[in-house]
Amino acid sequence: MDYNTATAQECADWLACDDGWTKVQTAHGDYAWRHSTLRDDPCSNWSHPYPLTLDAAAGALRSNWRVDYIRDRGEYAGLGDARWYARVFRVPGDITNSVSCEGPDELTARYRAAVASKMEGGKA
C-alpha cells in the first residue's frame, strides 16, 4: 500500500489487518471485524478497530512515535486548497527518524502518518 495516496479508510483497514484483525462478511451481508485471538462467534459483530475519528487516528500511531506537528499547509501558505501536513518522529526525538505525510484533511494526514510509522519504523 502506498500511504502517500491512500484514503483514511484504506489506512484504517491496513492498520487493522496489520494488527491481526480480519474483515469478514456476516450472514446478513454486512461486514464485521474479528481479531485472530478472539473465538469465532457467528453472533458477534465487532465494529472497525480504527473508526474514522481523530482520536482513533492518534491511537493508531506506534507507541514509540510522536506527532511533531500537524498543520493546514494551504491556510498557512495562503493557498486556497487545504493540504494537511503531519510529521511524526521516533522517540527519542531524533529528527532523522521522521516521516512526513500530507492529506486532503487532518484525519487522512494522521492515518497516513500512522501507517508510515509502522511501515518505516524498522528502517530508521
PDB file of N, CA and C in Angstrom:
ATOM      1  N   MET A   1       0.841  -1.183   0.000  1.00  0.00           N
ATOM      2  CA  MET A   1       0.000   0.000   0.000  1.00  0.00           C
ATOM      3  C   MET A   1       0.886   1.246   0.000  1.00  0.00           C
ATOM      4  N   ASP A   2       0.491   2.224  -0.759  1.00  0.00           N
ATOM      5  CA  ASP A   2       1.210   3.497  -0.788  1.00  0.00           C
ATOM      6  C   ASP A   2       0.483   4.469   0.141  1.00  0.00           C
ATOM      7  N   TYR A   3       1.063   4.708   1.299  1.00  0.00           N
ATOM      8  CA  TYR A   3       0.404   5.579   2.278  1.00  0.00           C
ATOM      9  C   TYR A   3       0.326   7.029   1.823  1.00  0.00           C
ATOM     10  N   ASN A   4       1.097   7.402   0.826  1.00  0.00           N
ATOM     11  CA  ASN A   4       1.056   8.782   0.326  1.00  0.00           C
ATOM     12  C   ASN A   4      -0.203   9.080  -0.482  1.00  0.00           C
ATOM     13  N   THR A   5      -0.863   8.030  -0.984  1.00  0.00           N
ATOM     14  CA  THR A   5      -2.052   8.227  -1.799  1.00  0.00           C
ATOM     15  C   THR A   5      -3.291   7.556  -1.212  1.00  0.00           C
ATOM     16  N   ALA A   6      -3.153   6.831  -0.141  1.00  0.00           N
ATOM     17  CA  ALA A   6      -4.266   6.088   0.437  1.00  0.00           C
ATOM     18  C   ALA A   6      -5.288   7.008   1.102  1.00  0.00           C
ATOM     19  N   THR A   7      -6.538   6.578   1.096  1.00  0.00           N
ATOM     20  CA  THR A   7      -7.578   7.305   1.809  1.00  0.00           C
ATOM     21  C   THR A   7      -7.489   6.964   3.295  1.00  0.00           C
ATOM     22  N   ALA A   8      -8.195   7.716   4.108  1.00  0.00           N
ATOM     23  CA  ALA A   8      -8.222   7.422   5.546  1.00  0.00           C
ATOM     24  C   ALA A   8      -8.786   6.026   5.790  1.00  0.00           C
ATOM     25  N   GLN A   9      -9.829   5.632   5.039  1.00  0.00           N
ATOM     26  CA  GLN A   9     -10.426   4.308   5.203  1.00  0.00           C
ATOM     27  C   GLN A   9      -9.440   3.206   4.828  1.00  0.00           C
ATOM     28  N   GLU A  10      -8.707   3.390   3.737  1.00  0.00           N
ATOM     29  CA  GLU A  10      -7.707   2.400   3.333  1.00  0.00           C
ATOM     30  C   GLU A  10      -6.611   2.269   4.392  1.00  0.00           C
ATOM     31  N   CYS A  11      -6.203   3.388   4.957  1.00  0.00           N
ATOM     32  CA  CYS A  11      -5.190   3.350   6.017  1.00  0.00           C
ATOM     33  C   CYS A  11      -5.730   2.626   7.257  1.00  0.00           C
ATOM     34  N   ALA A  12      -6.956   2.940   7.650  1.00  0.00           N
ATOM     35  CA  ALA A  12      -7.563   2.296   8.820  1.00  0.00           C
ATOM     36  C   ALA A  12      -7.680   0.790   8.597  1.00  0.00           C
ATOM     37  N   ASP A  13      -8.084   0.375   7.403  1.00  0.00           N
ATOM     38  CA  ASP A  13      -8.193  -1.049   7.090  1.00  0.00           C
ATOM     39  C   ASP A  13      -6.825  -1.722   7.127  1.00  0.00           C
ATOM     40  N   TRP A  14      -5.815  -1.080   6.560  1.00  0.00           N
ATOM     41  CA  TRP A  14      -4.467  -1.652   6.556  1.00  0.00           C
ATOM     42  C   TRP A  14      -3.946  -1.805   7.992  1.00  0.00           C
ATOM     43  N   LEU A  15      -4.149  -0.789   8.811  1.00  0.00           N
ATOM     44  CA  LEU A  15      -3.706  -0.850  10.201  1.00  0.00           C
ATOM     45  C   LEU A  15      -4.402  -1.977  10.958  1.00  0.00           C
ATOM     46  N   ALA A  16      -5.706  -2.140  10.727  1.00  0.00           N
ATOM     47  CA  ALA A  16      -6.450  -3.211  11.383  1.00  0.00           C
ATOM     48  C   ALA A  16      -5.890  -4.575  10.981  1.00  0.00           C
ATOM     49  N   CYS A  17      -5.677  -4.785   9.689  1.00  0.00           N
ATOM     50  CA  CYS A  17      -5.128  -6.060   9.221  1.00  0.00           C
ATOM     51  C   CYS A  17      -3.726  -6.299   9.772  1.00  0.00           C
ATOM     52  N   ASP A  18      -2.922  -5.248   9.833  1.00  0.00           N
ATOM     53  CA  ASP A  18      -1.564  -5.359  10.368  1.00  0.00           C
ATOM     54  C   ASP A  18      -1.573  -5.727  11.852  1.00  0.00           C
ATOM     55  N   ASP A  19      -2.636  -5.343  12.548  1.00  0.00           N
ATOM     56  CA  ASP A  19      -2.760  -5.657  13.976  1.00  0.00           C
ATOM     57  C   ASP A  19      -3.461  -6.988  14.241  1.00  0.00           C
ATOM     58  N   GLY A  20      -3.737  -7.762  13.192  1.00  0.00           N
ATOM     59  CA  GLY A  20      -4.323  -9.081  13.374  1.00  0.00           C
ATOM     60  C   GLY A  20      -5.825  -9.172  13.216  1.00  0.00           C
ATOM     61  N   TRP A  21      -6.460  -8.099  12.747  1.00  0.00           N
ATOM     62  CA  TRP A  21      -7.906  -8.107  12.525  1.00  0.00           C
ATOM     63  C   TRP A  21      -8.201  -8.583  11.115  1.00  0.00           C
ATOM     64  N   THR A  22      -9.346  -9.216  10.935  1.00  0.00           N
ATOM     65  CA  THR A  22      -9.791  -9.701   9.637  1.00  0.00           C
ATOM     66  C   THR A  22     -11.189  -9.187   9.369  1.00  0.00           C
ATOM     67  N   LYS A  23     -11.408  -8.702   8.165  1.00  0.00           N
ATOM     68  CA  LYS A  23     -12.740  -8.236   7.761  1.00  0.00           C
ATOM     69  C   LYS A  23     -13.483  -9.434   7.185  1.00  0.00           C
ATOM     70  N   VAL A  24     -14.617  -9.764   7.789  1.00  0.00           N
ATOM     71  CA  VAL A  24     -15.393 -10.923   7.346  1.00  0.00           C
ATOM     72  C   VAL A  24     -16.823 -10.490   7.028  1.00  0.00           C
ATOM     73  N   GLN A  25     -17.403 -11.189   6.080  1.00  0.00           N
ATOM     74  CA  GLN A  25     -18.789 -10.904   5.736  1.00  0.00           C
ATOM     75  C   GLN A  25     -19.699 -11.740   6.633  1.00  0.00           C
ATOM     76  N   THR A  26     -20.697 -11.100   7.196  1.00  0.00           N
ATOM     77  CA  THR A  26     -21.629 -11.785   8.082  1.00  0.00           C
ATOM     78  C   THR A  26     -22.741 -12.438   7.266  1.00  0.00           C
ATOM     79  N   ALA A  27     -23.566 -13.223   7.932  1.00  0.00           N
ATOM     80  CA  ALA A  27     -24.683 -13.896   7.274  1.00  0.00           C
ATOM     81  C   ALA A  27     -25.694 -12.896   6.714  1.00  0.00           C
ATOM     82  N   HIS A  28     -25.703 -11.704   7.269  1.00  0.00           N
ATOM     83  CA  HIS A  28     -26.645 -10.673   6.824  1.00  0.00           C
ATOM     84  C   HIS A  28     -26.110  -9.863   5.647  1.00  0.00           C
ATOM     85  N   GLY A  29     -24.889 -10.141   5.206  1.00  0.00           N
ATOM     86  CA  GLY A  29     -24.325  -9.447   4.060  1.00  0.00           C
ATOM     87  C   GLY A  29     -23.494  -8.227   4.389  1.00  0.00           C
ATOM     88  N   ASP A  30     -23.473  -7.817   5.667  1.00  0.00           N
ATOM     89  CA  ASP A  30     -22.622  -6.684   6.039  1.00  0.00           C
ATOM     90  C   ASP A  30     -21.262  -7.225   6.496  1.00  0.00           C
ATOM     91  N   TYR A  31     -20.412  -6.336   6.970  1.00  0.00           N
ATOM     92  CA  TYR A  31     -19.057  -6.751   7.342  1.00  0.00           C
ATOM     93  C   TYR A  31     -18.804  -6.512   8.823  1.00  0.00           C
ATOM     94  N   ALA A  32     -17.964  -7.362   9.361  1.00  0.00           N
ATOM     95  CA  ALA A  32     -17.551  -7.249  10.759  1.00  0.00           C
ATOM     96  C   ALA A  32     -16.043  -7.448  10.809  1.00  0.00           C
ATOM     97  N   TRP A  33     -15.446  -6.966  11.874  1.00  0.00           N
ATOM     98  CA  TRP A  33     -14.006  -7.145  12.090  1.00  0.00           C
ATOM     99  C   TRP A  33     -13.805  -8.114  13.239  1.00  0.00           C
ATOM    100  N   ARG A  34     -12.975  -9.116  13.021  1.00  0.00           N
ATOM    101  CA  ARG A  34     -12.693 -10.109  14.054  1.00  0.00           C
ATOM    102  C   ARG A  34     -11.190 -10.197  14.237  1.00  0.00           C
ATOM    103  N   HIS A  35     -10.776 -10.338  15.485  1.00  0.00           N
ATOM    104  CA  HIS A  35      -9.352 -10.453  15.786  1.00  0.00           C
ATOM    105  C   HIS A  35      -8.966 -11.915  15.879  1.00  0.00           C
ATOM    106  N   SER A  36      -7.759 -12.206  15.477  1.00  0.00           N
ATOM    107  CA  SER A  36      -7.294 -13.593  15.437  1.00  0.00           C
ATOM    108  C   SER A  36      -7.242 -14.240  16.820  1.00  0.00           C
ATOM    109  N   THR A  37      -7.175 -13.452  17.887  1.00  0.00           N
ATOM    110  CA  THR A  37      -7.095 -14.029  19.237  1.00  0.00           C
ATOM    111  C   THR A  37      -8.471 -14.261  19.854  1.00  0.00           C
ATOM    112  N   LEU A  38      -9.536 -13.800  19.192  1.00  0.00           N
ATOM    113  CA  LEU A  38     -10.885 -13.966  19.730  1.00  0.00           C
ATOM    114  C   LEU A  38     -11.528 -15.196  19.113  1.00  0.00           C
ATOM    115  N   ARG A  39     -12.370 -15.846  19.882  1.00  0.00           N
ATOM    116  CA  ARG A  39     -13.043 -17.034  19.345  1.00  0.00           C
ATOM    117  C   ARG A  39     -14.011 -16.606  18.250  1.00  0.00           C
ATOM    118  N   ASP A  40     -14.218 -17.475  17.309  1.00  0.00           N
ATOM    119  CA  ASP A  40     -15.091 -17.170  16.175  1.00  0.00           C
ATOM    120  C   ASP A  40     -16.537 -17.428  16.564  1.00  0.00           C
ATOM    121  N   ASP A  41     -17.232 -16.394  16.916  1.00  0.00           N
ATOM    122  CA  ASP A  41     -18.629 -16.467  17.325  1.00  0.00           C
ATOM    123  C   ASP A  41     -19.476 -15.830  16.233  1.00  0.00           C
ATOM    124  N   PRO A  42     -20.287 -16.624  15.509  1.00  0.00           N
ATOM    125  CA  PRO A  42     -21.057 -16.055  14.402  1.00  0.00           C
ATOM    126  C   PRO A  42     -22.078 -15.014  14.852  1.00  0.00           C
ATOM    127  N   CYS A  43     -22.380 -14.956  16.120  1.00  0.00           N
ATOM    128  CA  CYS A  43     -23.338 -13.964  16.613  1.00  0.00           C
ATOM    129  C   CYS A  43     -22.672 -12.635  16.946  1.00  0.00           C
ATOM    130  N   SER A  44     -21.362 -12.639  17.002  1.00  0.00           N
ATOM    131  CA  SER A  44     -20.633 -11.427  17.374  1.00  0.00           C
ATOM    132  C   SER A  44     -20.380 -10.567  16.145  1.00  0.00           C
ATOM    133  N   ASN A  45     -20.485  -9.279  16.326  1.00  0.00           N
ATOM    134  CA  ASN A  45     -20.227  -8.334  15.252  1.00  0.00           C
ATOM    135  C   ASN A  45     -19.383  -7.205  15.828  1.00  0.00           C
ATOM    136  N   TRP A  46     -18.101  -7.215  15.506  1.00  0.00           N
ATOM    137  CA  TRP A  46     -17.200  -6.193  16.038  1.00  0.00           C
ATOM    138  C   TRP A  46     -17.089  -5.041  15.062  1.00  0.00           C
ATOM    139  N   SER A  47     -17.163  -3.859  15.582  1.00  0.00           N
ATOM    140  CA  SER A  47     -17.012  -2.688  14.729  1.00  0.00           C
ATOM    141  C   SER A  47     -15.547  -2.527  14.347  1.00  0.00           C
ATOM    142  N   HIS A  48     -15.286  -1.599  13.475  1.00  0.00           N
ATOM    143  CA  HIS A  48     -13.919  -1.386  12.988  1.00  0.00           C
ATOM    144  C   HIS A  48     -13.008  -1.009  14.158  1.00  0.00           C
ATOM    145  N   PRO A  49     -11.852  -1.652  14.259  1.00  0.00           N
ATOM    146  CA  PRO A  49     -10.944  -1.314  15.362  1.00  0.00           C
ATOM    147  C   PRO A  49     -10.368   0.098  15.264  1.00  0.00           C
ATOM    148  N   TYR A  50     -10.378   0.672  14.080  1.00  0.00           N
ATOM    149  CA  TYR A  50      -9.904   2.038  13.867  1.00  0.00           C
ATOM    150  C   TYR A  50     -10.998   2.841  13.170  1.00  0.00           C
ATOM    151  N   PRO A  51     -11.970   3.352  13.917  1.00  0.00           N
ATOM    152  CA  PRO A  51     -13.015   4.161  13.281  1.00  0.00           C
ATOM    153  C   PRO A  51     -12.418   5.454  12.723  1.00  0.00           C
ATOM    154  N   LEU A  52     -13.141   6.084  11.834  1.00  0.00           N
ATOM    155  CA  LEU A  52     -12.636   7.288  11.179  1.00  0.00           C
ATOM    156  C   LEU A  52     -12.851   8.513  12.065  1.00  0.00           C
ATOM    157  N   THR A  53     -12.052   8.563  13.147  1.00  0.00           N
ATOM    158  CA  THR A  53     -12.061   9.704  14.063  1.00  0.00           C
ATOM    159  C   THR A  53     -10.623  10.141  14.303  1.00  0.00           C
ATOM    160  N   LEU A  54     -10.461  11.392  14.720  1.00  0.00           N
ATOM    161  CA  LEU A  54      -9.109  11.881  15.019  1.00  0.00           C
ATOM    162  C   LEU A  54      -8.502  11.129  16.200  1.00  0.00           C
ATOM    163  N   ASP A  55      -9.306  10.780  17.195  1.00  0.00           N
ATOM    164  CA  ASP A  55      -8.800  10.031  18.341  1.00  0.00           C
ATOM    165  C   ASP A  55      -8.278   8.660  17.928  1.00  0.00           C
ATOM    166  N   ALA A  56      -9.016   7.978  17.060  1.00  0.00           N
ATOM    167  CA  ALA A  56      -8.580   6.655  16.603  1.00  0.00           C
ATOM    168  C   ALA A  56      -7.304   6.767  15.766  1.00  0.00           C
ATOM    169  N   ALA A  57      -7.217   7.804  14.940  1.00  0.00           N
ATOM    170  CA  ALA A  57      -6.013   8.002  14.130  1.00  0.00           C
ATOM    171  C   ALA A  57      -4.802   8.276  15.029  1.00  0.00           C
ATOM    172  N   ALA A  58      -5.008   9.058  16.078  1.00  0.00           N
ATOM    173  CA  ALA A  58      -3.915   9.323  17.026  1.00  0.00           C
ATOM    174  C   ALA A  58      -3.528   8.048  17.766  1.00  0.00           C
ATOM    175  N   GLY A  59      -4.513   7.234  18.121  1.00  0.00           N
ATOM    176  CA  GLY A  59      -4.244   5.977  18.815  1.00  0.00           C
ATOM    177  C   GLY A  59      -3.570   4.936  17.933  1.00  0.00           C
ATOM    178  N   ALA A  60      -3.685   5.088  16.621  1.00  0.00           N
ATOM    179  CA  ALA A  60      -3.085   4.131  15.694  1.00  0.00           C
ATOM    180  C   ALA A  60      -1.583   4.343  15.532  1.00  0.00           C
ATOM    181  N   LEU A  61      -1.093   5.492  15.932  1.00  0.00           N
ATOM    182  CA  LEU A  61       0.336   5.785  15.819  1.00  0.00           C
ATOM    183  C   LEU A  61       1.114   4.866  16.749  1.00  0.00           C
ATOM    184  N   ARG A  62       2.197   4.303  16.258  1.00  0.00           N
ATOM    185  CA  ARG A  62       3.010   3.388  17.075  1.00  0.00           C
ATOM    186  C   ARG A  62       3.397   4.058  18.388  1.00  0.00           C
ATOM    187  N   SER A  63       3.493   3.249  19.422  1.00  0.00           N
ATOM    188  CA  SER A  63       3.714   3.795  20.767  1.00  0.00           C
ATOM    189  C   SER A  63       5.050   4.523  20.907  1.00  0.00           C
ATOM    190  N   ASN A  64       6.041   4.162  20.134  1.00  0.00           N
ATOM    191  CA  ASN A  64       7.337   4.834  20.243  1.00  0.00           C
ATOM    192  C   ASN A  64       7.503   5.952  19.210  1.00  0.00           C
ATOM    193  N   TRP A  65       6.392   6.410  18.640  1.00  0.00           N
ATOM    194  CA  TRP A  65       6.398   7.526  17.703  1.00  0.00           C
ATOM    195  C   TRP A  65       5.506   8.632  18.246  1.00  0.00           C
ATOM    196  N   ARG A  66       5.832   9.867  17.936  1.00  0.00           N
ATOM    197  CA  ARG A  66       5.059  11.029  18.385  1.00  0.00           C
ATOM    198  C   ARG A  66       4.842  11.981  17.213  1.00  0.00           C
ATOM    199  N   VAL A  67       3.739  12.707  17.283  1.00  0.00           N
ATOM    200  CA  VAL A  67       3.478  13.734  16.274  1.00  0.00           C
ATOM    201  C   VAL A  67       4.347  14.939  16.588  1.00  0.00           C
ATOM    202  N   ASP A  68       5.160  15.337  15.637  1.00  0.00           N
ATOM    203  CA  ASP A  68       5.984  16.528  15.786  1.00  0.00           C
ATOM    204  C   ASP A  68       5.108  17.753  15.586  1.00  0.00           C
ATOM    205  N   TYR A  69       4.435  17.814  14.478  1.00  0.00           N
ATOM    206  CA  TYR A  69       3.444  18.862  14.276  1.00  0.00           C
ATOM    207  C   TYR A  69       2.516  18.484  13.140  1.00  0.00           C
ATOM    208  N   ILE A  70       1.366  19.106  13.164  1.00  0.00           N
ATOM    209  CA  ILE A  70       0.388  18.918  12.098  1.00  0.00           C
ATOM    210  C   ILE A  70      -0.259  20.271  11.848  1.00  0.00           C
ATOM    211  N   ARG A  71      -0.398  20.617  10.608  1.00  0.00           N
ATOM    212  CA  ARG A  71      -0.994  21.916  10.295  1.00  0.00           C
ATOM    213  C   ARG A  71      -1.598  21.885   8.909  1.00  0.00           C
ATOM    214  N   ASP A  72      -2.469  22.811   8.676  1.00  0.00           N
ATOM    215  CA  ASP A  72      -3.096  23.004   7.372  1.00  0.00           C
ATOM    216  C   ASP A  72      -2.133  23.865   6.553  1.00  0.00           C
ATOM    217  N   ARG A  73      -1.376  23.243   5.672  1.00  0.00           N
ATOM    218  CA  ARG A  73      -0.381  23.974   4.888  1.00  0.00           C
ATOM    219  C   ARG A  73      -1.009  24.953   3.925  1.00  0.00           C
ATOM    220  N   GLY A  74      -2.181  24.619   3.405  1.00  0.00           N
ATOM    221  CA  GLY A  74      -2.843  25.537   2.478  1.00  0.00           C
ATOM    222  C   GLY A  74      -3.168  26.857   3.148  1.00  0.00           C
ATOM    223  N   GLU A  75      -3.706  26.795   4.350  1.00  0.00           N
ATOM    224  CA  GLU A  75      -4.036  28.011   5.088  1.00  0.00           C
ATOM    225  C   GLU A  75      -2.770  28.745   5.500  1.00  0.00           C
ATOM    226  N   TYR A  76      -1.756  27.992   5.932  1.00  0.00           N
ATOM    227  CA  TYR A  76      -0.501  28.592   6.387  1.00  0.00           C
ATOM    228  C   TYR A  76       0.194  29.343   5.256  1.00  0.00           C
ATOM    229  N   ALA A  77       0.157  28.765   4.061  1.00  0.00           N
ATOM    230  CA  ALA A  77       0.857  29.371   2.932  1.00  0.00           C
ATOM    231  C   ALA A  77      -0.023  30.359   2.166  1.00  0.00           C
ATOM    232  N   GLY A  78      -1.268  30.541   2.614  1.00  0.00           N
ATOM    233  CA  GLY A  78      -2.167  31.455   1.939  1.00  0.00           C
ATOM    234  C   GLY A  78      -2.740  30.884   0.656  1.00  0.00           C
ATOM    235  N   LEU A  79      -2.721  29.554   0.532  1.00  0.00           N
ATOM    236  CA  LEU A  79      -3.259  28.902  -0.655  1.00  0.00           C
ATOM    237  C   LEU A  79      -4.747  28.616  -0.455  1.00  0.00           C
ATOM    238  N   GLY A  80      -5.463  28.491  -1.541  1.00  0.00           N
ATOM    239  CA  GLY A  80      -6.894  28.227  -1.443  1.00  0.00           C
ATOM    240  C   GLY A  80      -7.207  26.800  -1.014  1.00  0.00           C
ATOM    241  N   ASP A  81      -6.448  25.837  -1.522  1.00  0.00           N
ATOM    242  CA  ASP A  81      -6.715  24.437  -1.217  1.00  0.00           C
ATOM    243  C   ASP A  81      -6.022  24.039   0.081  1.00  0.00           C
ATOM    244  N   ALA A  82      -6.776  23.378   0.927  1.00  0.00           N
ATOM    245  CA  ALA A  82      -6.207  22.904   2.189  1.00  0.00           C
ATOM    246  C   ALA A  82      -5.459  21.603   1.938  1.00  0.00           C
ATOM    247  N   ARG A  83      -4.240  21.519   2.412  1.00  0.00           N
ATOM    248  CA  ARG A  83      -3.449  20.297   2.372  1.00  0.00           C
ATOM    249  C   ARG A  83      -2.863  20.128   3.762  1.00  0.00           C
ATOM    250  N   TRP A  84      -3.308  19.129   4.482  1.00  0.00           N
ATOM    251  CA  TRP A  84      -2.811  18.906   5.829  1.00  0.00           C
ATOM    252  C   TRP A  84      -1.484  18.172   5.767  1.00  0.00           C
ATOM    253  N   TYR A  85      -0.608  18.551   6.645  1.00  0.00           N
ATOM    254  CA  TYR A  85       0.752  18.020   6.690  1.00  0.00           C
ATOM    255  C   TYR A  85       1.018  17.510   8.101  1.00  0.00           C
ATOM    256  N   ALA A  86       1.490  16.291   8.204  1.00  0.00           N
ATOM    257  CA  ALA A  86       1.830  15.715   9.510  1.00  0.00           C
ATOM    258  C   ALA A  86       3.253  15.194   9.463  1.00  0.00           C
ATOM    259  N   ARG A  87       4.000  15.461  10.513  1.00  0.00           N
ATOM    260  CA  ARG A  87       5.337  14.882  10.633  1.00  0.00           C
ATOM    261  C   ARG A  87       5.394  14.152  11.958  1.00  0.00           C
ATOM    262  N   VAL A  88       5.822  12.915  11.916  1.00  0.00           N
ATOM    263  CA  VAL A  88       5.958  12.107  13.124  1.00  0.00           C
ATOM    264  C   VAL A  88       7.408  11.677  13.256  1.00  0.00           C
ATOM    265  N   PHE A  89       7.838  11.469  14.487  1.00  0.00           N
ATOM    266  CA  PHE A  89       9.214  11.036  14.708  1.00  0.00           C
ATOM    267  C   PHE A  89       9.253   9.959  15.770  1.00  0.00           C
ATOM    268  N   ARG A  90      10.311   9.176  15.697  1.00  0.00           N
ATOM    269  CA  ARG A  90      10.517   8.109  16.651  1.00  0.00           C
ATOM    270  C   ARG A  90      11.111   8.694  17.923  1.00  0.00           C
ATOM    271  N   VAL A  91      10.589   8.266  19.063  1.00  0.00           N
ATOM    272  CA  VAL A  91      11.090   8.713  20.362  1.00  0.00           C
ATOM    273  C   VAL A  91      12.338   7.900  20.672  1.00  0.00           C
ATOM    274  N   PRO A  92      13.436   8.460  21.158  1.00  0.00           N
ATOM    275  CA  PRO A  92      13.616   9.866  21.489  1.00  0.00           C
ATOM    276  C   PRO A  92      13.671  10.724  20.230  1.00  0.00           C
ATOM    277  N   GLY A  93      13.498  12.016  20.392  1.00  0.00           N
ATOM    278  CA  GLY A  93      13.286  12.944  19.295  1.00  0.00           C
ATOM    279  C   GLY A  93      14.418  13.121  18.321  1.00  0.00           C
ATOM    280  N   ASP A  94      14.798  12.082  17.659  1.00  0.00           N
ATOM    281  CA  ASP A  94      15.818  12.164  16.629  1.00  0.00           C
ATOM    282  C   ASP A  94      15.123  12.476  15.310  1.00  0.00           C
ATOM    283  N   ILE A  95      15.274  13.666  14.813  1.00  0.00           N
ATOM    284  CA  ILE A  95      14.550  14.111  13.627  1.00  0.00           C
ATOM    285  C   ILE A  95      14.951  13.315  12.391  1.00  0.00           C
ATOM    286  N   THR A  96      16.085  12.606  12.422  1.00  0.00           N
ATOM    287  CA  THR A  96      16.459  11.765  11.283  1.00  0.00           C
ATOM    288  C   THR A  96      15.553  10.545  11.191  1.00  0.00           C
ATOM    289  N   ASN A  97      14.872  10.209  12.265  1.00  0.00           N
ATOM    290  CA  ASN A  97      13.910   9.104  12.267  1.00  0.00           C
ATOM    291  C   ASN A  97      12.500   9.663  12.157  1.00  0.00           C
ATOM    292  N   SER A  98      12.238  10.458  11.127  1.00  0.00           N
ATOM    293  CA  SER A  98      10.920  11.077  10.982  1.00  0.00           C
ATOM    294  C   SER A  98      10.313  10.712   9.633  1.00  0.00           C
ATOM    295  N   VAL A  99       9.002  10.824   9.577  1.00  0.00           N
ATOM    296  CA  VAL A  99       8.245  10.581   8.356  1.00  0.00           C
ATOM    297  C   VAL A  99       7.259  11.722   8.207  1.00  0.00           C
ATOM    298  N   SER A 100       7.135  12.250   7.006  1.00  0.00           N
ATOM    299  CA  SER A 100       6.193  13.330   6.740  1.00  0.00           C
ATOM    300  C   SER A 100       5.119  12.842   5.774  1.00  0.00           C
ATOM    301  N   CYS A 101       3.898  13.236   6.031  1.00  0.00           N
ATOM    302  CA  CYS A 101       2.760  12.839   5.193  1.00  0.00           C
ATOM    303  C   CYS A 101       1.850  14.032   4.977  1.00  0.00           C
ATOM    304  N   GLU A 102       1.204  14.049   3.826  1.00  0.00           N
ATOM    305  CA  GLU A 102       0.203  15.066   3.529  1.00  0.00           C
ATOM    306  C   GLU A 102      -1.132  14.384   3.308  1.00  0.00           C
ATOM    307  N   GLY A 103      -2.184  15.154   3.399  1.00  0.00           N
ATOM    308  CA  GLY A 103      -3.513  14.634   3.120  1.00  0.00           C
ATOM    309  C   GLY A 103      -4.474  15.764   2.839  1.00  0.00           C
ATOM    310  N   PRO A 104      -5.619  15.424   2.258  1.00  0.00           N
ATOM    311  CA  PRO A 104      -6.618  16.456   1.964  1.00  0.00           C
ATOM    312  C   PRO A 104      -7.314  16.984   3.211  1.00  0.00           C
ATOM    313  N   ASP A 105      -7.166  16.264   4.323  1.00  0.00           N
ATOM    314  CA  ASP A 105      -7.761  16.682   5.590  1.00  0.00           C
ATOM    315  C   ASP A 105      -6.897  16.136   6.730  1.00  0.00           C
ATOM    316  N   GLU A 106      -7.157  16.625   7.922  1.00  0.00           N
ATOM    317  CA  GLU A 106      -6.349  16.225   9.073  1.00  0.00           C
ATOM    318  C   GLU A 106      -6.449  14.734   9.350  1.00  0.00           C
ATOM    319  N   LEU A 107      -7.637  14.163   9.227  1.00  0.00           N
ATOM    320  CA  LEU A 107      -7.834  12.740   9.503  1.00  0.00           C
ATOM    321  C   LEU A 107      -6.979  11.877   8.590  1.00  0.00           C
ATOM    322  N   THR A 108      -7.011  12.163   7.309  1.00  0.00           N
ATOM    323  CA  THR A 108      -6.219  11.387   6.351  1.00  0.00           C
ATOM    324  C   THR A 108      -4.728  11.555   6.614  1.00  0.00           C
ATOM    325  N   ALA A 109      -4.288  12.773   6.893  1.00  0.00           N
ATOM    326  CA  ALA A 109      -2.870  13.005   7.176  1.00  0.00           C
ATOM    327  C   ALA A 109      -2.425  12.217   8.403  1.00  0.00           C
ATOM    328  N   ARG A 110      -3.246  12.196   9.445  1.00  0.00           N
ATOM    329  CA  ARG A 110      -2.892  11.450  10.660  1.00  0.00           C
ATOM    330  C   ARG A 110      -2.876   9.943  10.417  1.00  0.00           C
ATOM    331  N   TYR A 111      -3.862   9.423   9.674  1.00  0.00           N
ATOM    332  CA  TYR A 111      -3.865   7.991   9.376  1.00  0.00           C
ATOM    333  C   TYR A 111      -2.687   7.613   8.487  1.00  0.00           C
ATOM    334  N   ARG A 112      -2.356   8.452   7.525  1.00  0.00           N
ATOM    335  CA  ARG A 112      -1.182   8.176   6.684  1.00  0.00           C
ATOM    336  C   ARG A 112       0.088   8.152   7.530  1.00  0.00           C
ATOM    337  N   ALA A 113       0.192   9.057   8.484  1.00  0.00           N
ATOM    338  CA  ALA A 113       1.364   9.084   9.364  1.00  0.00           C
ATOM    339  C   ALA A 113       1.423   7.825  10.228  1.00  0.00           C
ATOM    340  N   ALA A 114       0.271   7.326  10.673  1.00  0.00           N
ATOM    341  CA  ALA A 114       0.249   6.096  11.475  1.00  0.00           C
ATOM    342  C   ALA A 114       0.721   4.900  10.655  1.00  0.00           C
ATOM    343  N   VAL A 115       0.264   4.813   9.401  1.00  0.00           N
ATOM    344  CA  VAL A 115       0.711   3.725   8.519  1.00  0.00           C
ATOM    345  C   VAL A 115       2.202   3.875   8.254  1.00  0.00           C
ATOM    346  N   ALA A 116       2.635   5.085   7.969  1.00  0.00           N
ATOM    347  CA  ALA A 116       4.057   5.322   7.668  1.00  0.00           C
ATOM    348  C   ALA A 116       4.929   4.926   8.857  1.00  0.00           C
ATOM    349  N   SER A 117       4.479   5.218  10.085  1.00  0.00           N
ATOM    350  CA  SER A 117       5.284   4.869  11.247  1.00  0.00           C
ATOM    351  C   SER A 117       5.432   3.362  11.390  1.00  0.00           C
ATOM    352  N   LYS A 118       4.430   2.601  10.965  1.00  0.00           N
ATOM    353  CA  LYS A 118       4.534   1.140  11.013  1.00  0.00           C
ATOM    354  C   LYS A 118       5.387   0.612   9.864  1.00  0.00           C
ATOM    355  N   MET A 119       5.191   1.173   8.674  1.00  0.00           N
ATOM    356  CA  MET A 119       5.959   0.692   7.506  1.00  0.00           C
ATOM    357  C   MET A 119       7.423   1.086   7.578  1.00  0.00           C
ATOM    358  N   GLU A 120       7.678   2.303   8.038  1.00  0.00           N
ATOM    359  CA  GLU A 120       9.052   2.817   8.051  1.00  0.00           C
ATOM    360  C   GLU A 120       9.744   2.610   9.396  1.00  0.00           C
ATOM    361  N   GLY A 121       9.003   2.163  10.387  1.00  0.00           N
ATOM    362  CA  GLY A 121       9.535   2.059  11.755  1.00  0.00           C
ATOM    363  C   GLY A 121      10.761   1.192  11.890  1.00  0.00           C
ATOM    364  N   GLY A 122      10.851   0.120  11.102  1.00  0.00           N
ATOM    365  CA  GLY A 122      12.005  -0.760  11.206  1.00  0.00           C
ATOM    366  C   GLY A 122      13.172  -0.323  10.373  1.00  0.00           C
ATOM    367  N   LYS A 123      12.972   0.680   9.524  1.00  0.00           N
ATOM    368  CA  LYS A 123      14.024   1.079   8.585  1.00  0.00           C
ATOM    369  C   LYS A 123      14.948   2.145   9.149  1.00  0.00           C
ATOM    370  N   ALA A 124      14.408   2.979  10.037  1.00  0.00           N
ATOM    371  CA  ALA A 124      15.210   4.104  10.522  1.00  0.00           C
ATOM    372  C   ALA A 124      16.116   3.696  11.648  1.00  0.00           C
TER     373      ALA A 124
END
